[in-house]
N, C-alpha and C. Protein backbone atom coordinates (compact mmCIF):
# COMPACT_ATOMS: atom_id res chain seq x y z
N UNK A 1 11.22 2.59 -12.29
CA UNK A 1 9.98 3.34 -12.23
C UNK A 1 10.28 4.67 -11.55
N UNK A 2 9.77 5.73 -12.13
CA UNK A 2 9.96 7.06 -11.58
C UNK A 2 9.03 7.25 -10.37
N UNK A 3 9.41 8.11 -9.42
CA UNK A 3 8.59 8.31 -8.22
C UNK A 3 7.14 8.72 -8.54
N UNK A 4 6.94 9.58 -9.53
CA UNK A 4 5.58 10.02 -9.86
C UNK A 4 4.75 8.85 -10.38
N UNK A 5 5.35 8.01 -11.22
CA UNK A 5 4.63 6.85 -11.74
C UNK A 5 4.27 5.89 -10.60
N UNK A 6 5.19 5.68 -9.67
CA UNK A 6 4.92 4.82 -8.52
C UNK A 6 3.76 5.38 -7.70
N UNK A 7 3.78 6.68 -7.46
CA UNK A 7 2.70 7.31 -6.68
C UNK A 7 1.36 7.17 -7.40
N UNK A 8 1.35 7.37 -8.71
CA UNK A 8 0.11 7.24 -9.49
C UNK A 8 -0.42 5.81 -9.44
N UNK A 9 0.45 4.85 -9.56
CA UNK A 9 0.02 3.44 -9.49
C UNK A 9 -0.53 3.10 -8.11
N UNK A 10 0.14 3.60 -7.08
CA UNK A 10 -0.31 3.35 -5.71
C UNK A 10 -1.72 3.92 -5.51
N UNK A 11 -1.92 5.17 -5.89
CA UNK A 11 -3.23 5.81 -5.73
C UNK A 11 -4.29 5.05 -6.52
N UNK A 12 -3.96 4.61 -7.73
CA UNK A 12 -4.92 3.85 -8.53
C UNK A 12 -5.28 2.53 -7.84
N UNK A 13 -4.29 1.83 -7.30
CA UNK A 13 -4.55 0.54 -6.64
C UNK A 13 -5.44 0.73 -5.42
N UNK A 14 -5.23 1.78 -4.66
CA UNK A 14 -5.98 2.01 -3.43
C UNK A 14 -7.37 2.59 -3.72
N UNK A 15 -7.43 3.65 -4.52
CA UNK A 15 -8.67 4.39 -4.68
C UNK A 15 -9.39 4.16 -6.01
N UNK A 16 -8.68 3.71 -7.03
CA UNK A 16 -9.28 3.49 -8.34
C UNK A 16 -9.81 2.08 -8.47
N UNK A 17 -8.90 1.14 -8.69
CA UNK A 17 -9.31 -0.25 -8.91
C UNK A 17 -9.55 -1.00 -7.60
N UNK A 18 -9.12 -0.40 -6.48
CA UNK A 18 -9.27 -1.03 -5.16
C UNK A 18 -8.68 -2.44 -5.15
N UNK A 19 -7.51 -2.55 -5.77
CA UNK A 19 -6.80 -3.82 -5.93
C UNK A 19 -5.66 -3.90 -4.93
N UNK A 20 -6.00 -4.26 -3.70
CA UNK A 20 -4.96 -4.31 -2.66
C UNK A 20 -3.90 -5.36 -2.97
N UNK A 21 -4.29 -6.49 -3.55
CA UNK A 21 -3.30 -7.51 -3.90
C UNK A 21 -2.32 -7.00 -4.94
N UNK A 22 -2.77 -6.07 -5.78
CA UNK A 22 -1.90 -5.48 -6.80
C UNK A 22 -0.79 -4.62 -6.23
N UNK A 23 -0.92 -4.25 -4.96
CA UNK A 23 0.15 -3.46 -4.33
C UNK A 23 1.45 -4.26 -4.24
N UNK A 24 1.34 -5.58 -4.17
CA UNK A 24 2.54 -6.42 -4.09
C UNK A 24 3.47 -6.18 -5.27
N UNK A 25 2.90 -5.86 -6.43
CA UNK A 25 3.70 -5.66 -7.64
C UNK A 25 4.46 -4.34 -7.64
N UNK A 26 4.02 -3.38 -6.84
CA UNK A 26 4.68 -2.07 -6.88
C UNK A 26 5.44 -1.72 -5.60
N UNK A 27 5.20 -2.44 -4.52
CA UNK A 27 5.92 -2.15 -3.27
C UNK A 27 7.09 -3.12 -3.10
N UNK A 28 8.20 -2.60 -2.65
CA UNK A 28 9.34 -3.45 -2.32
C UNK A 28 8.95 -4.32 -1.14
N UNK A 29 9.21 -5.63 -1.19
CA UNK A 29 8.81 -6.51 -0.10
C UNK A 29 9.39 -6.10 1.26
N UNK A 30 10.53 -5.44 1.25
CA UNK A 30 11.18 -5.05 2.49
C UNK A 30 10.87 -3.64 2.97
N UNK A 31 9.86 -3.03 2.35
CA UNK A 31 9.52 -1.66 2.74
C UNK A 31 9.16 -1.61 4.22
N UNK A 32 9.60 -0.56 4.90
CA UNK A 32 9.30 -0.38 6.32
C UNK A 32 8.68 0.99 6.51
N UNK A 33 7.76 1.07 7.43
CA UNK A 33 7.12 2.33 7.76
C UNK A 33 6.91 2.39 9.26
N UNK A 34 7.19 3.55 9.81
CA UNK A 34 6.94 3.77 11.23
C UNK A 34 6.42 5.19 11.39
N UNK A 35 5.19 5.29 11.86
CA UNK A 35 4.58 6.60 12.03
C UNK A 35 3.92 6.69 13.39
N UNK A 36 3.20 7.77 13.62
CA UNK A 36 2.59 7.97 14.93
C UNK A 36 1.48 6.98 15.26
N UNK A 37 0.83 6.40 14.23
CA UNK A 37 -0.29 5.50 14.51
C UNK A 37 -0.03 4.06 14.08
N UNK A 38 0.87 3.86 13.13
CA UNK A 38 1.11 2.52 12.59
C UNK A 38 2.59 2.30 12.38
N UNK A 39 2.97 1.02 12.37
CA UNK A 39 4.33 0.62 12.00
C UNK A 39 4.23 -0.69 11.24
N UNK A 40 4.95 -0.79 10.13
CA UNK A 40 4.94 -2.00 9.32
C UNK A 40 6.37 -2.39 8.99
N UNK A 41 6.65 -3.68 9.11
CA UNK A 41 8.00 -4.18 8.87
C UNK A 41 8.17 -4.74 7.46
N UNK A 42 7.08 -4.80 6.70
CA UNK A 42 7.17 -5.33 5.33
C UNK A 42 5.95 -4.89 4.53
N UNK A 43 6.05 -5.04 3.22
CA UNK A 43 4.91 -4.74 2.36
C UNK A 43 3.75 -5.65 2.69
N UNK A 44 4.04 -6.90 2.98
CA UNK A 44 2.97 -7.86 3.32
C UNK A 44 2.22 -7.42 4.58
N UNK A 45 2.94 -6.91 5.57
CA UNK A 45 2.29 -6.41 6.79
C UNK A 45 1.37 -5.23 6.47
N UNK A 46 1.86 -4.33 5.62
CA UNK A 46 1.09 -3.16 5.24
C UNK A 46 -0.18 -3.56 4.48
N UNK A 47 -0.04 -4.43 3.50
CA UNK A 47 -1.18 -4.87 2.70
C UNK A 47 -2.18 -5.61 3.58
N UNK A 48 -1.70 -6.44 4.46
CA UNK A 48 -2.58 -7.15 5.38
C UNK A 48 -3.38 -6.18 6.24
N UNK A 49 -2.74 -5.14 6.71
CA UNK A 49 -3.41 -4.12 7.52
C UNK A 49 -4.50 -3.42 6.72
N UNK A 50 -4.22 -3.12 5.47
CA UNK A 50 -5.22 -2.48 4.62
C UNK A 50 -6.43 -3.38 4.40
N UNK A 51 -6.17 -4.67 4.27
CA UNK A 51 -7.27 -5.62 4.07
C UNK A 51 -8.13 -5.75 5.33
N UNK A 52 -7.49 -5.72 6.49
CA UNK A 52 -8.20 -5.83 7.76
C UNK A 52 -8.98 -4.56 8.11
N UNK A 53 -8.41 -3.42 7.75
CA UNK A 53 -9.05 -2.14 8.08
C UNK A 53 -8.83 -1.18 6.89
N UNK A 54 -9.63 -1.34 5.83
CA UNK A 54 -9.44 -0.52 4.64
C UNK A 54 -9.75 0.96 4.88
N UNK A 55 -9.24 1.82 4.01
CA UNK A 55 -9.52 3.24 4.13
C UNK A 55 -11.02 3.53 4.03
N UNK A 56 -11.45 4.62 4.61
CA UNK A 56 -12.87 5.01 4.51
C UNK A 56 -13.27 5.11 3.05
N UNK A 57 -14.46 4.61 2.75
CA UNK A 57 -14.98 4.66 1.40
C UNK A 57 -14.48 3.56 0.48
N UNK A 58 -13.74 2.63 1.04
CA UNK A 58 -13.17 1.57 0.20
C UNK A 58 -14.20 0.58 -0.19
């Protein structure tokens, strides 16, 4: 999958179809993120966080 296609699918899952479970199909299970406000050790951690505290307007 090309980076642009991945980004488009991600945006659709979050803001279009609001299908958080569908993120599992496009995110690598081992994805890691560490930023100023959040840190996630896996895709499952990230998806769980979105379910617990979804983006505004979700």
